Full PDB file with SEQRES, HELIX, SHEET, SSBOND, CRYST1, ORIGX, SCALE, CONECT and MASTER records, all heavy atoms in Angstrom:
SEQRES   1 A   34  ASP ARG ASN LYS LYS GLN MET ARG PHE ALA LEU VAL VAL          
SEQRES   2 A   34  GLY ALA VAL ILE ALA LEU LEU LEU TRP GLN THR VAL TRP          
SEQRES   3 A   34  LEU ARG LEU ARG PRO PRO LEU GLY                              
HELIX    1 AA1 ARG A    2  GLN A   23  1                                  22    
HELIX    2 AA2 LEU A   27  LEU A   29  5                                   3    
HELIX    3 AA3 ARG A   30  LEU A   33  1                                   4    
CRYST1    1.000    1.000    1.000  90.00  90.00  90.00 P 1           1          
ORIGX1      1.000000  0.000000  0.000000        0.00000                         
ORIGX2      0.000000  1.000000  0.000000        0.00000                         
ORIGX3      0.000000  0.000000  1.000000        0.00000                         
SCALE1      1.000000  0.000000  0.000000        0.00000                         
SCALE2      0.000000  1.000000  0.000000        0.00000                         
SCALE3      0.000000  0.000000  1.000000        0.00000                         
ATOM      1  N   ASP A   1     139.438 130.068 147.600  1.00  0.00           N  
ATOM      2  CA  ASP A   1     139.142 131.233 146.768  1.00  0.00           C  
ATOM      3  C   ASP A   1     138.579 130.824 145.420  1.00  0.00           C  
ATOM      4  O   ASP A   1     137.633 131.452 144.899  1.00  0.00           O  
ATOM      5  CB  ASP A   1     140.414 132.084 146.561  1.00  0.00           C  
ATOM      6  CG  ASP A   1     140.854 132.753 147.838  1.00  0.00           C  
ATOM      7  OD1 ASP A   1     140.031 132.910 148.777  1.00  0.00           O  
ATOM      8  OD2 ASP A   1     142.045 133.132 147.926  1.00  0.00           O  
ATOM      9  N   ARG A   2     139.125 129.770 144.813  1.00  0.00           N  
ATOM     10  CA  ARG A   2     138.611 129.296 143.551  1.00  0.00           C  
ATOM     11  C   ARG A   2     137.184 128.801 143.683  1.00  0.00           C  
ATOM     12  O   ARG A   2     136.333 129.070 142.829  1.00  0.00           O  
ATOM     13  CB  ARG A   2     139.507 128.173 143.033  1.00  0.00           C  
ATOM     14  CG  ARG A   2     139.113 127.667 141.641  1.00  0.00           C  
ATOM     15  CD  ARG A   2     140.009 126.596 141.159  1.00  0.00           C  
ATOM     16  NE  ARG A   2     141.377 127.067 141.111  1.00  0.00           N  
ATOM     17  CZ  ARG A   2     142.432 126.249 140.941  1.00  0.00           C  
ATOM     18  NH1 ARG A   2     142.233 124.964 140.859  1.00  0.00           N  
ATOM     19  NH2 ARG A   2     143.649 126.733 140.900  1.00  0.00           N  
ATOM     20  N   ASN A   3     136.888 128.078 144.774  1.00  0.00           N  
ATOM     21  CA  ASN A   3     135.525 127.610 145.003  1.00  0.00           C  
ATOM     22  C   ASN A   3     134.546 128.754 145.173  1.00  0.00           C  
ATOM     23  O   ASN A   3     133.386 128.697 144.736  1.00  0.00           O  
ATOM     24  CB  ASN A   3     135.463 126.721 146.232  1.00  0.00           C  
ATOM     25  CG  ASN A   3     135.998 125.318 145.947  1.00  0.00           C  
ATOM     26  OD1 ASN A   3     136.176 124.947 144.808  1.00  0.00           O  
ATOM     27  ND2 ASN A   3     136.306 124.610 147.002  1.00  0.00           N  
ATOM     28  N   LYS A   4     134.970 129.850 145.842  1.00  0.00           N  
ATOM     29  CA  LYS A   4     134.121 131.017 145.990  1.00  0.00           C  
ATOM     30  C   LYS A   4     133.749 131.621 144.644  1.00  0.00           C  
ATOM     31  O   LYS A   4     132.606 131.976 144.391  1.00  0.00           O  
ATOM     32  CB  LYS A   4     134.801 132.087 146.833  1.00  0.00           C  
ATOM     33  CG  LYS A   4     134.814 131.829 148.290  1.00  0.00           C  
ATOM     34  CD  LYS A   4     135.475 132.972 149.041  1.00  0.00           C  
ATOM     35  CE  LYS A   4     135.612 132.669 150.503  1.00  0.00           C  
ATOM     36  NZ  LYS A   4     136.313 133.751 151.217  1.00  0.00           N  
ATOM     37  N   LYS A   5     134.729 131.710 143.761  1.00  0.00           N  
ATOM     38  CA  LYS A   5     134.476 132.277 142.416  1.00  0.00           C  
ATOM     39  C   LYS A   5     133.499 131.392 141.645  1.00  0.00           C  
ATOM     40  O   LYS A   5     132.571 131.861 140.999  1.00  0.00           O  
ATOM     41  CB  LYS A   5     135.774 132.454 141.636  1.00  0.00           C  
ATOM     42  CG  LYS A   5     136.643 133.541 142.162  1.00  0.00           C  
ATOM     43  CD  LYS A   5     137.925 133.632 141.369  1.00  0.00           C  
ATOM     44  CE  LYS A   5     138.875 134.646 141.970  1.00  0.00           C  
ATOM     45  NZ  LYS A   5     140.156 134.702 141.249  1.00  0.00           N  
ATOM     46  N   GLN A   6     133.751 130.061 141.720  1.00  0.00           N  
ATOM     47  CA  GLN A   6     132.848 129.130 141.009  1.00  0.00           C  
ATOM     48  C   GLN A   6     131.437 129.144 141.578  1.00  0.00           C  
ATOM     49  O   GLN A   6     130.468 129.047 140.861  1.00  0.00           O  
ATOM     50  CB  GLN A   6     133.438 127.705 141.066  1.00  0.00           C  
ATOM     51  CG  GLN A   6     134.686 127.560 140.222  1.00  0.00           C  
ATOM     52  CD  GLN A   6     135.282 126.156 140.379  1.00  0.00           C  
ATOM     53  OE1 GLN A   6     134.962 125.434 141.309  1.00  0.00           O  
ATOM     54  NE2 GLN A   6     136.184 125.800 139.492  1.00  0.00           N  
ATOM     55  N   MET A   7     131.348 129.282 142.903  1.00  0.00           N  
ATOM     56  CA  MET A   7     130.029 129.339 143.536  1.00  0.00           C  
ATOM     57  C   MET A   7     129.282 130.592 143.134  1.00  0.00           C  
ATOM     58  O   MET A   7     128.104 130.552 142.832  1.00  0.00           O  
ATOM     59  CB  MET A   7     130.182 129.291 145.048  1.00  0.00           C  
ATOM     60  CG  MET A   7     128.872 129.227 145.799  1.00  0.00           C  
ATOM     61  SD  MET A   7     129.021 128.987 147.562  1.00  0.00           S  
ATOM     62  CE  MET A   7     130.114 130.284 148.043  1.00  0.00           C  
ATOM     63  N   ARG A   8     129.975 131.741 143.094  1.00  0.00           N  
ATOM     64  CA  ARG A   8     129.319 132.980 142.638  1.00  0.00           C  
ATOM     65  C   ARG A   8     128.829 132.849 141.188  1.00  0.00           C  
ATOM     66  O   ARG A   8     127.714 133.262 140.863  1.00  0.00           O  
ATOM     67  CB  ARG A   8     130.270 134.154 142.742  1.00  0.00           C  
ATOM     68  CG  ARG A   8     130.280 134.773 144.116  1.00  0.00           C  
ATOM     69  CD  ARG A   8     131.139 135.963 144.119  1.00  0.00           C  
ATOM     70  NE  ARG A   8     132.515 135.471 144.060  1.00  0.00           N  
ATOM     71  CZ  ARG A   8     133.600 136.150 144.373  1.00  0.00           C  
ATOM     72  NH1 ARG A   8     133.515 137.380 144.706  1.00  0.00           N  
ATOM     73  NH2 ARG A   8     134.791 135.593 144.297  1.00  0.00           N  
ATOM     74  N   PHE A   9     129.648 132.250 140.325  1.00  0.00           N  
ATOM     75  CA  PHE A   9     129.255 132.078 138.923  1.00  0.00           C  
ATOM     76  C   PHE A   9     128.026 131.162 138.847  1.00  0.00           C  
ATOM     77  O   PHE A   9     127.103 131.429 138.061  1.00  0.00           O  
ATOM     78  CB  PHE A   9     130.413 131.528 138.105  1.00  0.00           C  
ATOM     79  CG  PHE A   9     130.053 131.355 136.656  1.00  0.00           C  
ATOM     80  CD1 PHE A   9     129.942 132.447 135.829  1.00  0.00           C  
ATOM     81  CD2 PHE A   9     129.835 130.112 136.133  1.00  0.00           C  
ATOM     82  CE1 PHE A   9     129.614 132.312 134.494  1.00  0.00           C  
ATOM     83  CE2 PHE A   9     129.518 129.947 134.785  1.00  0.00           C  
ATOM     84  CZ  PHE A   9     129.404 131.056 133.966  1.00  0.00           C  
ATOM     85  N   ALA A  10     128.036 130.075 139.612  1.00  0.00           N  
ATOM     86  CA  ALA A  10     126.872 129.159 139.601  1.00  0.00           C  
ATOM     87  C   ALA A  10     125.611 129.860 140.076  1.00  0.00           C  
ATOM     88  O   ALA A  10     124.522 129.644 139.510  1.00  0.00           O  
ATOM     89  CB  ALA A  10     127.171 127.949 140.469  1.00  0.00           C  
ATOM     90  N   LEU A  11     125.734 130.755 141.046  1.00  0.00           N  
ATOM     91  CA  LEU A  11     124.564 131.492 141.521  1.00  0.00           C  
ATOM     92  C   LEU A  11     124.089 132.502 140.490  1.00  0.00           C  
ATOM     93  O   LEU A  11     122.887 132.708 140.344  1.00  0.00           O  
ATOM     94  CB  LEU A  11     124.852 132.163 142.852  1.00  0.00           C  
ATOM     95  CG  LEU A  11     125.007 131.206 144.047  1.00  0.00           C  
ATOM     96  CD1 LEU A  11     125.453 131.975 145.278  1.00  0.00           C  
ATOM     97  CD2 LEU A  11     123.714 130.491 144.296  1.00  0.00           C  
ATOM     98  N   VAL A  12     125.003 133.128 139.783  1.00  0.00           N  
ATOM     99  CA  VAL A  12     124.610 134.081 138.730  1.00  0.00           C  
ATOM    100  C   VAL A  12     123.878 133.343 137.598  1.00  0.00           C  
ATOM    101  O   VAL A  12     122.825 133.792 137.110  1.00  0.00           O  
ATOM    102  CB  VAL A  12     125.837 134.868 138.171  1.00  0.00           C  
ATOM    103  CG1 VAL A  12     125.518 135.600 136.910  1.00  0.00           C  
ATOM    104  CG2 VAL A  12     126.337 135.819 139.243  1.00  0.00           C  
ATOM    105  N   VAL A  13     124.444 132.211 137.174  1.00  0.00           N  
ATOM    106  CA  VAL A  13     123.769 131.416 136.145  1.00  0.00           C  
ATOM    107  C   VAL A  13     122.416 130.939 136.633  1.00  0.00           C  
ATOM    108  O   VAL A  13     121.426 130.954 135.871  1.00  0.00           O  
ATOM    109  CB  VAL A  13     124.665 130.240 135.704  1.00  0.00           C  
ATOM    110  CG1 VAL A  13     123.917 129.285 134.789  1.00  0.00           C  
ATOM    111  CG2 VAL A  13     125.916 130.741 135.004  1.00  0.00           C  
ATOM    112  N   GLY A  14     122.325 130.547 137.888  1.00  0.00           N  
ATOM    113  CA  GLY A  14     121.036 130.163 138.477  1.00  0.00           C  
ATOM    114  C   GLY A  14     120.031 131.292 138.487  1.00  0.00           C  
ATOM    115  O   GLY A  14     118.846 131.090 138.219  1.00  0.00           O  
ATOM    116  N   ALA A  15     120.502 132.496 138.737  1.00  0.00           N  
ATOM    117  CA  ALA A  15     119.611 133.662 138.726  1.00  0.00           C  
ATOM    118  C   ALA A  15     119.096 133.925 137.303  1.00  0.00           C  
ATOM    119  O   ALA A  15     117.932 134.260 137.103  1.00  0.00           O  
ATOM    120  CB  ALA A  15     120.327 134.898 139.264  1.00  0.00           C  
ATOM    121  N   VAL A  16     119.973 133.777 136.317  1.00  0.00           N  
ATOM    122  CA  VAL A  16     119.561 133.971 134.913  1.00  0.00           C  
ATOM    123  C   VAL A  16     118.540 132.904 134.541  1.00  0.00           C  
ATOM    124  O   VAL A  16     117.528 133.214 133.886  1.00  0.00           O  
ATOM    125  CB  VAL A  16     120.788 133.934 133.963  1.00  0.00           C  
ATOM    126  CG1 VAL A  16     120.374 133.850 132.526  1.00  0.00           C  
ATOM    127  CG2 VAL A  16     121.669 135.148 134.222  1.00  0.00           C  
ATOM    128  N   ILE A  17     118.775 131.644 134.934  1.00  0.00           N  
ATOM    129  CA  ILE A  17     117.800 130.577 134.628  1.00  0.00           C  
ATOM    130  C   ILE A  17     116.475 130.856 135.330  1.00  0.00           C  
ATOM    131  O   ILE A  17     115.404 130.635 134.744  1.00  0.00           O  
ATOM    132  CB  ILE A  17     118.389 129.219 135.031  1.00  0.00           C  
ATOM    133  CG1 ILE A  17     119.577 128.868 134.135  1.00  0.00           C  
ATOM    134  CG2 ILE A  17     117.337 128.119 134.900  1.00  0.00           C  
ATOM    135  CD1 ILE A  17     120.372 127.669 134.592  1.00  0.00           C  
ATOM    136  N   ALA A  18     116.525 131.304 136.574  1.00  0.00           N  
ATOM    137  CA  ALA A  18     115.291 131.615 137.301  1.00  0.00           C  
ATOM    138  C   ALA A  18     114.530 132.758 136.609  1.00  0.00           C  
ATOM    139  O   ALA A  18     113.312 132.701 136.527  1.00  0.00           O  
ATOM    140  CB  ALA A  18     115.591 132.012 138.747  1.00  0.00           C  
ATOM    141  N   LEU A  19     115.252 133.747 136.114  1.00  0.00           N  
ATOM    142  CA  LEU A  19     114.617 134.854 135.398  1.00  0.00           C  
ATOM    143  C   LEU A  19     113.959 134.319 134.110  1.00  0.00           C  
ATOM    144  O   LEU A  19     112.835 134.701 133.786  1.00  0.00           O  
ATOM    145  CB  LEU A  19     115.645 135.921 135.055  1.00  0.00           C  
ATOM    146  CG  LEU A  19     115.112 137.158 134.321  1.00  0.00           C  
ATOM    147  CD1 LEU A  19     114.181 137.919 135.265  1.00  0.00           C  
ATOM    148  CD2 LEU A  19     116.255 138.021 133.890  1.00  0.00           C  
ATOM    149  N   LEU A  20     114.653 133.468 133.382  1.00  0.00           N  
ATOM    150  CA  LEU A  20     114.058 132.882 132.187  1.00  0.00           C  
ATOM    151  C   LEU A  20     112.844 132.037 132.524  1.00  0.00           C  
ATOM    152  O   LEU A  20     111.840 132.057 131.809  1.00  0.00           O  
ATOM    153  CB  LEU A  20     115.094 132.013 131.453  1.00  0.00           C  
ATOM    154  CG  LEU A  20     116.210 132.752 130.722  1.00  0.00           C  
ATOM    155  CD1 LEU A  20     117.236 131.771 130.220  1.00  0.00           C  
ATOM    156  CD2 LEU A  20     115.627 133.555 129.563  1.00  0.00           C  
ATOM    157  N   LEU A  21     112.923 131.289 133.610  1.00  0.00           N  
ATOM    158  CA  LEU A  21     111.786 130.466 134.036  1.00  0.00           C  
ATOM    159  C   LEU A  21     110.579 131.338 134.403  1.00  0.00           C  
ATOM    160  O   LEU A  21     109.450 130.986 134.067  1.00  0.00           O  
ATOM    161  CB  LEU A  21     112.192 129.590 135.243  1.00  0.00           C  
ATOM    162  CG  LEU A  21     111.216 128.608 135.772  1.00  0.00           C  
ATOM    163  CD1 LEU A  21     110.848 127.577 134.735  1.00  0.00           C  
ATOM    164  CD2 LEU A  21     111.778 127.952 137.019  1.00  0.00           C  
ATOM    165  N   TRP A  22     110.828 132.446 135.032  1.00  0.00           N  
ATOM    166  CA  TRP A  22     109.753 133.336 135.435  1.00  0.00           C  
ATOM    167  C   TRP A  22     109.149 134.071 134.263  1.00  0.00           C  
ATOM    168  O   TRP A  22     107.923 134.274 134.188  1.00  0.00           O  
ATOM    169  CB  TRP A  22     110.322 134.321 136.468  1.00  0.00           C  
ATOM    170  CG  TRP A  22     109.332 135.340 136.949  1.00  0.00           C  
ATOM    171  CD1 TRP A  22     108.121 135.106 137.541  1.00  0.00           C  
ATOM    172  CD2 TRP A  22     109.466 136.752 136.872  1.00  0.00           C  
ATOM    173  NE1 TRP A  22     107.505 136.274 137.864  1.00  0.00           N  
ATOM    174  CE2 TRP A  22     108.327 137.324 137.461  1.00  0.00           C  
ATOM    175  CE3 TRP A  22     110.453 137.595 136.402  1.00  0.00           C  
ATOM    176  CZ2 TRP A  22     108.146 138.691 137.545  1.00  0.00           C  
ATOM    177  CZ3 TRP A  22     110.294 138.944 136.503  1.00  0.00           C  
ATOM    178  CH2 TRP A  22     109.144 139.488 137.070  1.00  0.00           C  
ATOM    179  N   GLN A  23     109.960 134.436 133.277  1.00  0.00           N  
ATOM    180  CA  GLN A  23     109.501 135.249 132.152  1.00  0.00           C  
ATOM    181  C   GLN A  23     108.974 134.450 130.957  1.00  0.00           C  
ATOM    182  O   GLN A  23     108.383 135.011 130.048  1.00  0.00           O  
ATOM    183  CB  GLN A  23     110.636 136.166 131.659  1.00  0.00           C  
ATOM    184  CG  GLN A  23     110.967 137.272 132.638  1.00  0.00           C  
ATOM    185  CD  GLN A  23     109.854 138.289 132.749  1.00  0.00           C  
ATOM    186  OE1 GLN A  23     109.205 138.608 131.752  1.00  0.00           O  
ATOM    187  NE2 GLN A  23     109.640 138.770 133.941  1.00  0.00           N  
ATOM    188  N   THR A  24     109.251 133.153 130.897  1.00  0.00           N  
ATOM    189  CA  THR A  24     108.877 132.393 129.711  1.00  0.00           C  
ATOM    190  C   THR A  24     107.354 132.244 129.595  1.00  0.00           C  
ATOM    191  O   THR A  24     106.643 132.102 130.589  1.00  0.00           O  
ATOM    192  CB  THR A  24     109.540 131.005 129.714  1.00  0.00           C  
ATOM    193  OG1 THR A  24     109.309 130.410 128.428  1.00  0.00           O  
ATOM    194  CG2 THR A  24     109.012 130.104 130.791  1.00  0.00           C  
ATOM    195  N   VAL A  25     106.899 132.326 128.355  1.00  0.00           N  
ATOM    196  CA  VAL A  25     105.488 132.124 128.081  1.00  0.00           C  
ATOM    197  C   VAL A  25     105.238 130.757 127.450  1.00  0.00           C  
ATOM    198  O   VAL A  25     104.088 130.327 127.305  1.00  0.00           O  
ATOM    199  CB  VAL A  25     104.924 133.238 127.149  1.00  0.00           C  
ATOM    200  CG1 VAL A  25     104.918 134.564 127.879  1.00  0.00           C  
ATOM    201  CG2 VAL A  25     105.681 133.298 125.851  1.00  0.00           C  
ATOM    202  N   TRP A  26     106.310 130.079 127.068  1.00  0.00           N  
ATOM    203  CA  TRP A  26     106.204 128.747 126.487  1.00  0.00           C  
ATOM    204  C   TRP A  26     106.194 127.707 127.583  1.00  0.00           C  
ATOM    205  O   TRP A  26     107.195 127.549 128.317  1.00  0.00           O  
ATOM    206  CB  TRP A  26     107.354 128.479 125.514  1.00  0.00           C  
ATOM    207  CG  TRP A  26     107.368 129.409 124.344  1.00  0.00           C  
ATOM    208  CD1 TRP A  26     106.291 129.886 123.649  1.00  0.00           C  
ATOM    209  CD2 TRP A  26     108.520 129.978 123.731  1.00  0.00           C  
ATOM    210  NE1 TRP A  26     106.709 130.691 122.640  1.00  0.00           N  
ATOM    211  CE2 TRP A  26     108.078 130.802 122.639  1.00  0.00           C  
ATOM    212  CE3 TRP A  26     109.882 129.891 123.967  1.00  0.00           C  
ATOM    213  CZ2 TRP A  26     108.919 131.478 121.834  1.00  0.00           C  
ATOM    214  CZ3 TRP A  26     110.741 130.589 123.145  1.00  0.00           C  
ATOM    215  CH2 TRP A  26     110.256 131.372 122.117  1.00  0.00           C  
ATOM    216  N   LEU A  27     105.122 126.994 127.688  1.00  0.00           N  
ATOM    217  CA  LEU A  27     104.998 126.012 128.763  1.00  0.00           C  
ATOM    218  C   LEU A  27     105.963 124.846 128.596  1.00  0.00           C  
ATOM    219  O   LEU A  27     106.333 124.235 129.575  1.00  0.00           O  
ATOM    220  CB  LEU A  27     103.556 125.525 128.806  1.00  0.00           C  
ATOM    221  CG  LEU A  27     102.493 126.549 129.219  1.00  0.00           C  
ATOM    222  CD1 LEU A  27     101.116 125.921 129.171  1.00  0.00           C  
ATOM    223  CD2 LEU A  27     102.811 127.088 130.585  1.00  0.00           C  
ATOM    224  N   ARG A  28     106.373 124.566 127.381  1.00  0.00           N  
ATOM    225  CA  ARG A  28     107.299 123.447 127.155  1.00  0.00           C  
ATOM    226  C   ARG A  28     108.677 123.718 127.688  1.00  0.00           C  
ATOM    227  O   ARG A  28     109.467 122.784 127.895  1.00  0.00           O  
ATOM    228  CB  ARG A  28     107.358 123.144 125.669  1.00  0.00           C  
ATOM    229  CG  ARG A  28     106.033 122.671 125.088  1.00  0.00           C  
ATOM    230  CD  ARG A  28     106.255 122.216 123.721  1.00  0.00           C  
ATOM    231  NE  ARG A  28     106.650 120.821 123.819  1.00  0.00           N  
ATOM    232  CZ  ARG A  28     106.240 119.891 123.027  1.00  0.00           C  
ATOM    233  NH1 ARG A  28     105.436 120.170 122.044  1.00  0.00           N  
ATOM    234  NH2 ARG A  28     106.648 118.646 123.185  1.00  0.00           N  
ATOM    235  N   LEU A  29     109.039 124.983 127.904  1.00  0.00           N  
ATOM    236  CA  LEU A  29     110.355 125.313 128.414  1.00  0.00           C  
ATOM    237  C   LEU A  29     110.461 125.262 129.937  1.00  0.00           C  
ATOM    238  O   LEU A  29     111.535 125.212 130.476  1.00  0.00           O  
ATOM    239  CB  LEU A  29     110.774 126.715 127.950  1.00  0.00           C  
ATOM    240  CG  LEU A  29     111.328 126.823 126.543  1.00  0.00           C  
ATOM    241  CD1 LEU A  29     111.693 128.262 126.229  1.00  0.00           C  
ATOM    242  CD2 LEU A  29     112.522 125.941 126.357  1.00  0.00           C  
ATOM    243  N   ARG A  30     109.324 125.289 130.604  1.00  0.00           N  
ATOM    244  CA  ARG A  30     109.364 125.354 132.067  1.00  0.00           C  
ATOM    245  C   ARG A  30     109.961 124.135 132.725  1.00  0.00           C  
ATOM    246  O   ARG A  30     110.802 124.289 133.618  1.00  0.00           O  
ATOM    247  CB  ARG A  30     107.967 125.641 132.598  1.00  0.00           C  
ATOM    248  CG  ARG A  30     107.580 127.069 132.270  1.00  0.00           C  
ATOM    249  CD  ARG A  30     106.380 127.502 132.963  1.00  0.00           C  
ATOM    250  NE  ARG A  30     106.141 128.914 132.614  1.00  0.00           N  
ATOM    251  CZ  ARG A  30     105.213 129.646 133.146  1.00  0.00           C  
ATOM    252  NH1 ARG A  30     104.423 129.140 134.024  1.00  0.00           N  
ATOM    253  NH2 ARG A  30     105.073 130.889 132.745  1.00  0.00           N  
ATOM    254  N   PRO A  31     109.610 122.907 132.368  1.00  0.00           N  
ATOM    255  CA  PRO A  31     110.265 121.749 133.020  1.00  0.00           C  
ATOM    256  C   PRO A  31     111.795 121.691 132.809  1.00  0.00           C  
ATOM    257  O   PRO A  31     112.532 121.490 133.775  1.00  0.00           O  
ATOM    258  CB  PRO A  31     109.541 120.538 132.434  1.00  0.00           C  
ATOM    259  CG  PRO A  31     108.241 121.056 131.984  1.00  0.00           C  
ATOM    260  CD  PRO A  31     108.467 122.458 131.536  1.00  0.00           C  
ATOM    261  N   PRO A  32     112.281 121.868 131.569  1.00  0.00           N  
ATOM    262  CA  PRO A  32     113.746 121.838 131.417  1.00  0.00           C  
ATOM    263  C   PRO A  32     114.455 122.974 132.179  1.00  0.00           C  
ATOM    264  O   PRO A  32     115.517 122.766 132.737  1.00  0.00           O  
ATOM    265  CB  PRO A  32     113.975 121.994 129.914  1.00  0.00           C  
ATOM    266  CG  PRO A  32     112.701 121.599 129.273  1.00  0.00           C  
ATOM    267  CD  PRO A  32     111.637 121.945 130.262  1.00  0.00           C  
ATOM    268  N   LEU A  33     113.849 124.147 132.208  1.00  0.00           N  
ATOM    269  CA  LEU A  33     114.448 125.253 132.947  1.00  0.00           C  
ATOM    270  C   LEU A  33     114.431 124.966 134.462  1.00  0.00           C  
ATOM    271  O   LEU A  33     115.377 125.321 135.169  1.00  0.00           O  
ATOM    272  CB  LEU A  33     113.728 126.559 132.654  1.00  0.00           C  
ATOM    273  CG  LEU A  33     114.015 127.197 131.303  1.00  0.00           C  
ATOM    274  CD1 LEU A  33     113.119 128.402 131.072  1.00  0.00           C  
ATOM    275  CD2 LEU A  33     115.477 127.581 131.178  1.00  0.00           C  
ATOM    276  N   GLY A  34     113.390 124.313 134.945  1.00  0.00           N  
ATOM    277  CA  GLY A  34     113.348 123.925 136.343  1.00  0.00           C  
ATOM    278  C   GLY A  34     114.432 122.915 136.675  1.00  0.00           C  
ATOM    279  O   GLY A  34     115.063 123.002 137.739  1.00  0.00           O  
TER     280      GLY A  34                                                      
MASTER        0    0    0    3    0    0    0    6  279    1    0    3          
END                                                                             
């Protein structure tokens, strides 16, 4: 159960990072976000 909660949180953070990667206009941020 603990692993399920941690996995969901990791996926939510991954979704936020993917959204930032998709929306960023600064090219210098794309490699670190990737």
